[in-house]
Amino acid sequence: MLHSFKLQTSNRDEMIDLTSQVETEIKKHQVKSGVVTVYCPHTTAGITINENADPDVKRDMIRRFDEVYPWIDEKDQHFEGNTAAHLKASTVGSSQQLIIENGNLLLGTWQGIYFCEFDGPRNRTWYIKIQAD
């Protein structure tokens, strides 16, 4: 089962919680056991799993990414000027795979699934692939 979703990002860098949308698809299709892959087909955005209890974690992550990969570096040669976004997306990765057990995502207490925008604002697409046992 492959599902496509659209989202509009608002900032150059942001992390958007996708957890409830993924959970909704699992419930809608009544999957009791299996795996779900959450995938981003963009080279300047990605998918990660991280804490979703304290919003400071998202702010800190974005700040630290900017420290490691500054937006402007005179040595960068990519003509679009978004080399930092490509580096951030490669660091985060394009997908995450999660276990479905007893009809629920097997996430830790504080974990959530995030779409990570690094070159916004943009219209983006992301996918869920559910594989039932």
C-alpha atoms as a PDB file:
ATOM      1  CA  MET A   1       0.000   0.000   0.000  1.00  0.00           C
ATOM      2  CA  LEU A   2       1.635   3.202  -1.209  1.00  0.00           C
ATOM      3  CA  HIS A   3       0.188   6.554  -0.124  1.00  0.00           C
ATOM      4  CA  SER A   4       1.228   9.995  -1.333  1.00  0.00           C
ATOM      5  CA  PHE A   5       0.839  13.208   0.665  1.00  0.00           C
ATOM      6  CA  LYS A   6       1.408  16.891  -0.050  1.00  0.00           C
ATOM      7  CA  LEU A   7       2.517  19.561   2.342  1.00  0.00           C
ATOM      8  CA  GLN A   8       3.412  23.229   2.135  1.00  0.00           C
ATOM      9  CA  THR A   9       6.361  24.280   4.243  1.00  0.00           C
ATOM     10  CA  SER A  10       6.528  27.793   5.681  1.00  0.00           C
ATOM     11  CA  ASN A  11      10.190  28.418   6.500  1.00  0.00           C
ATOM     12  CA  ARG A  12      13.615  27.741   5.052  1.00  0.00           C
ATOM     13  CA  ASP A  13      14.267  25.247   7.864  1.00  0.00           C
ATOM     14  CA  GLU A  14      11.521  23.489   9.797  1.00  0.00           C
ATOM     15  CA  MET A  15      10.517  20.136  11.206  1.00  0.00           C
ATOM     16  CA  ILE A  16       6.902  19.064  10.673  1.00  0.00           C
ATOM     17  CA  ASP A  17       5.465  16.254  12.798  1.00  0.00           C
ATOM     18  CA  LEU A  18       4.011  13.506  10.558  1.00  0.00           C
ATOM     19  CA  THR A  19       3.382  10.962  13.312  1.00  0.00           C
ATOM     20  CA  SER A  20      -0.412  11.290  13.508  1.00  0.00           C
ATOM     21  CA  GLN A  21      -0.795  11.075   9.717  1.00  0.00           C
ATOM     22  CA  VAL A  22       1.225   7.862   9.612  1.00  0.00           C
ATOM     23  CA  GLU A  23      -0.770   6.432  12.520  1.00  0.00           C
ATOM     24  CA  THR A  24      -4.044   7.373  10.788  1.00  0.00           C
ATOM     25  CA  GLU A  25      -3.066   5.460   7.628  1.00  0.00           C
ATOM     26  CA  ILE A  26      -2.134   2.381   9.642  1.00  0.00           C
ATOM     27  CA  LYS A  27      -5.489   2.459  11.468  1.00  0.00           C
ATOM     28  CA  LYS A  28      -7.432   3.190   8.259  1.00  0.00           C
ATOM     29  CA  HIS A  29      -6.003   0.087   6.605  1.00  0.00           C
ATOM     30  CA  GLN A  30      -6.335  -1.992   9.783  1.00  0.00           C
ATOM     31  CA  VAL A  31      -2.728  -3.180   9.661  1.00  0.00           C
ATOM     32  CA  LYS A  32      -1.981  -5.148  12.816  1.00  0.00           C
ATOM     33  CA  SER A  33       1.616  -6.157  12.125  1.00  0.00           C
ATOM     34  CA  GLY A  34       4.217  -5.145   9.561  1.00  0.00           C
ATOM     35  CA  VAL A  35       6.451  -2.229   8.651  1.00  0.00           C
ATOM     36  CA  VAL A  36       5.892   1.241   7.337  1.00  0.00           C
ATOM     37  CA  THR A  37       8.422   3.268   5.397  1.00  0.00           C
ATOM     38  CA  VAL A  38       8.133   7.059   5.410  1.00  0.00           C
ATOM     39  CA  TYR A  39       9.974   8.498   2.397  1.00  0.00           C
ATOM     40  CA  CYS A  40      10.885  11.953   1.102  1.00  0.00           C
ATOM     41  CA  PRO A  41      11.790  12.205  -2.627  1.00  0.00           C
ATOM     42  CA  HIS A  42      13.539  15.576  -2.336  1.00  0.00           C
ATOM     43  CA  THR A  43      17.279  16.338  -2.215  1.00  0.00           C
ATOM     44  CA  THR A  44      16.871  19.296   0.163  1.00  0.00           C
ATOM     45  CA  ALA A  45      14.481  17.723   2.671  1.00  0.00           C
ATOM     46  CA  GLY A  46      14.402  14.506   4.666  1.00  0.00           C
ATOM     47  CA  ILE A  47      12.701  12.312   7.250  1.00  0.00           C
ATOM     48  CA  THR A  48      13.883  11.736  10.817  1.00  0.00           C
ATOM     49  CA  ILE A  49      12.667  10.275  14.085  1.00  0.00           C
ATOM     50  CA  ASN A  50      13.317  12.326  17.181  1.00  0.00           C
ATOM     51  CA  GLU A  51      11.792  13.701  20.364  1.00  0.00           C
ATOM     52  CA  ASN A  52       8.324  15.192  20.004  1.00  0.00           C
ATOM     53  CA  ALA A  53       7.624  16.230  23.606  1.00  0.00           C
ATOM     54  CA  ASP A  54       9.748  19.387  23.862  1.00  0.00           C
ATOM     55  CA  PRO A  55       9.607  21.854  20.918  1.00  0.00           C
ATOM     56  CA  ASP A  56      13.043  23.147  21.937  1.00  0.00           C
ATOM     57  CA  VAL A  57      14.544  19.961  20.475  1.00  0.00           C
ATOM     58  CA  LYS A  58      13.382  20.957  16.975  1.00  0.00           C
ATOM     59  CA  ARG A  59      14.677  24.507  17.409  1.00  0.00           C
ATOM     60  CA  ASP A  60      18.008  23.252  18.753  1.00  0.00           C
ATOM     61  CA  MET A  61      18.409  20.764  15.923  1.00  0.00           C
ATOM     62  CA  ILE A  62      17.764  23.410  13.276  1.00  0.00           C
ATOM     63  CA  ARG A  63      20.165  25.815  14.987  1.00  0.00           C
ATOM     64  CA  ARG A  64      22.883  23.191  15.237  1.00  0.00           C
ATOM     65  CA  PHE A  65      22.424  22.133  11.603  1.00  0.00           C
ATOM     66  CA  ASP A  66      22.945  25.793  10.669  1.00  0.00           C
ATOM     67  CA  GLU A  67      26.122  25.882  12.755  1.00  0.00           C
ATOM     68  CA  VAL A  68      27.531  22.770  11.080  1.00  0.00           C
ATOM     69  CA  TYR A  69      26.267  23.665   7.586  1.00  0.00           C
ATOM     70  CA  PRO A  70      26.130  27.466   7.262  1.00  0.00           C
ATOM     71  CA  TRP A  71      23.828  28.702   4.507  1.00  0.00           C
ATOM     72  CA  ILE A  72      26.519  30.887   2.956  1.00  0.00           C
ATOM     73  CA  ASP A  73      30.042  29.597   2.399  1.00  0.00           C
ATOM     74  CA  GLU A  74      32.169  31.308  -0.220  1.00  0.00           C
ATOM     75  CA  LYS A  75      33.731  27.951  -1.169  1.00  0.00           C
ATOM     76  CA  ASP A  76      30.394  26.383  -2.174  1.00  0.00           C
ATOM     77  CA  GLN A  77      30.065  26.117  -5.936  1.00  0.00           C
ATOM     78  CA  HIS A  78      26.502  24.836  -6.424  1.00  0.00           C
ATOM     79  CA  PHE A  79      24.824  27.454  -8.618  1.00  0.00           C
ATOM     80  CA  GLU A  80      21.504  27.380  -6.719  1.00  0.00           C
ATOM     81  CA  GLY A  81      23.237  28.457  -3.512  1.00  0.00           C
ATOM     82  CA  ASN A  82      21.572  25.780  -1.401  1.00  0.00           C
ATOM     83  CA  THR A  83      24.498  23.464  -0.709  1.00  0.00           C
ATOM     84  CA  ALA A  84      23.727  23.634   3.025  1.00  0.00           C
ATOM     85  CA  ALA A  85      20.244  22.234   2.377  1.00  0.00           C
ATOM     86  CA  HIS A  86      21.688  19.296   0.435  1.00  0.00           C
ATOM     87  CA  LEU A  87      24.154  18.548   3.235  1.00  0.00           C
ATOM     88  CA  LYS A  88      21.457  18.719   5.925  1.00  0.00           C
ATOM     89  CA  ALA A  89      19.147  16.430   3.927  1.00  0.00           C
ATOM     90  CA  SER A  90      21.942  13.904   3.386  1.00  0.00           C
ATOM     91  CA  THR A  91      22.709  13.951   7.103  1.00  0.00           C
ATOM     92  CA  VAL A  92      19.071  13.336   8.080  1.00  0.00           C
ATOM     93  CA  GLY A  93      18.354  10.829   5.309  1.00  0.00           C
ATOM     94  CA  SER A  94      15.474  10.397   2.912  1.00  0.00           C
ATOM     95  CA  SER A  95      13.458   7.748   4.777  1.00  0.00           C
ATOM     96  CA  GLN A  96      12.699   5.976   8.019  1.00  0.00           C
ATOM     97  CA  GLN A  97      11.305   2.491   8.473  1.00  0.00           C
ATOM     98  CA  LEU A  98       9.163   1.685  11.508  1.00  0.00           C
ATOM     99  CA  ILE A  99       7.653  -1.465  12.964  1.00  0.00           C
ATOM    100  CA  ILE A 100       3.880  -1.854  13.260  1.00  0.00           C
ATOM    101  CA  GLU A 101       2.829  -4.114  16.111  1.00  0.00           C
ATOM    102  CA  ASN A 102      -0.694  -4.661  17.507  1.00  0.00           C
ATOM    103  CA  GLY A 103      -1.952  -1.992  15.100  1.00  0.00           C
ATOM    104  CA  ASN A 104       0.387   0.706  16.435  1.00  0.00           C
ATOM    105  CA  LEU A 105       3.695   2.248  15.497  1.00  0.00           C
ATOM    106  CA  LEU A 106       6.473   0.895  17.676  1.00  0.00           C
ATOM    107  CA  LEU A 107       7.856   4.274  18.780  1.00  0.00           C
ATOM    108  CA  GLY A 108       9.568   5.234  22.005  1.00  0.00           C
ATOM    109  CA  THR A 109       7.675   7.318  24.549  1.00  0.00           C
ATOM    110  CA  TRP A 110       9.068  10.629  23.302  1.00  0.00           C
ATOM    111  CA  GLN A 111       9.550   9.796  19.614  1.00  0.00           C
ATOM    112  CA  GLY A 112       7.842  11.325  16.604  1.00  0.00           C
ATOM    113  CA  ILE A 113       8.331  11.196  12.836  1.00  0.00           C
ATOM    114  CA  TYR A 114       9.377  14.466  11.212  1.00  0.00           C
ATOM    115  CA  PHE A 115       9.536  15.895   7.720  1.00  0.00           C
ATOM    116  CA  CYS A 116      12.656  18.082   7.755  1.00  0.00           C
ATOM    117  CA  GLU A 117      12.571  21.043   5.388  1.00  0.00           C
ATOM    118  CA  PHE A 118      15.945  22.618   4.659  1.00  0.00           C
ATOM    119  CA  ASP A 119      15.220  24.769   1.579  1.00  0.00           C
ATOM    120  CA  GLY A 120      11.755  26.185   2.027  1.00  0.00           C
ATOM    121  CA  PRO A 121       9.212  27.398   1.814  1.00  0.00           C
ATOM    122  CA  ARG A 122       8.167  24.845  -0.795  1.00  0.00           C
ATOM    123  CA  ASN A 123       5.389  22.524  -1.873  1.00  0.00           C
ATOM    124  CA  ARG A 124       6.557  19.041  -0.967  1.00  0.00           C
ATOM    125  CA  THR A 125       5.476  15.438  -1.470  1.00  0.00           C
ATOM    126  CA  TRP A 126       6.125  12.565   0.893  1.00  0.00           C
ATOM    127  CA  TYR A 127       5.136   8.902   0.876  1.00  0.00           C
ATOM    128  CA  ILE A 128       4.109   6.091   3.184  1.00  0.00           C
ATOM    129  CA  LYS A 129       4.579   2.482   2.103  1.00  0.00           C
ATOM    130  CA  ILE A 130       2.816   0.010   4.401  1.00  0.00           C
ATOM    131  CA  GLN A 131       3.771  -3.645   4.262  1.00  0.00           C
ATOM    132  CA  ALA A 132       1.571  -5.927   6.352  1.00  0.00           C
ATOM    133  CA  ASP A 133       2.838  -9.271   7.631  1.00  0.00           C
END
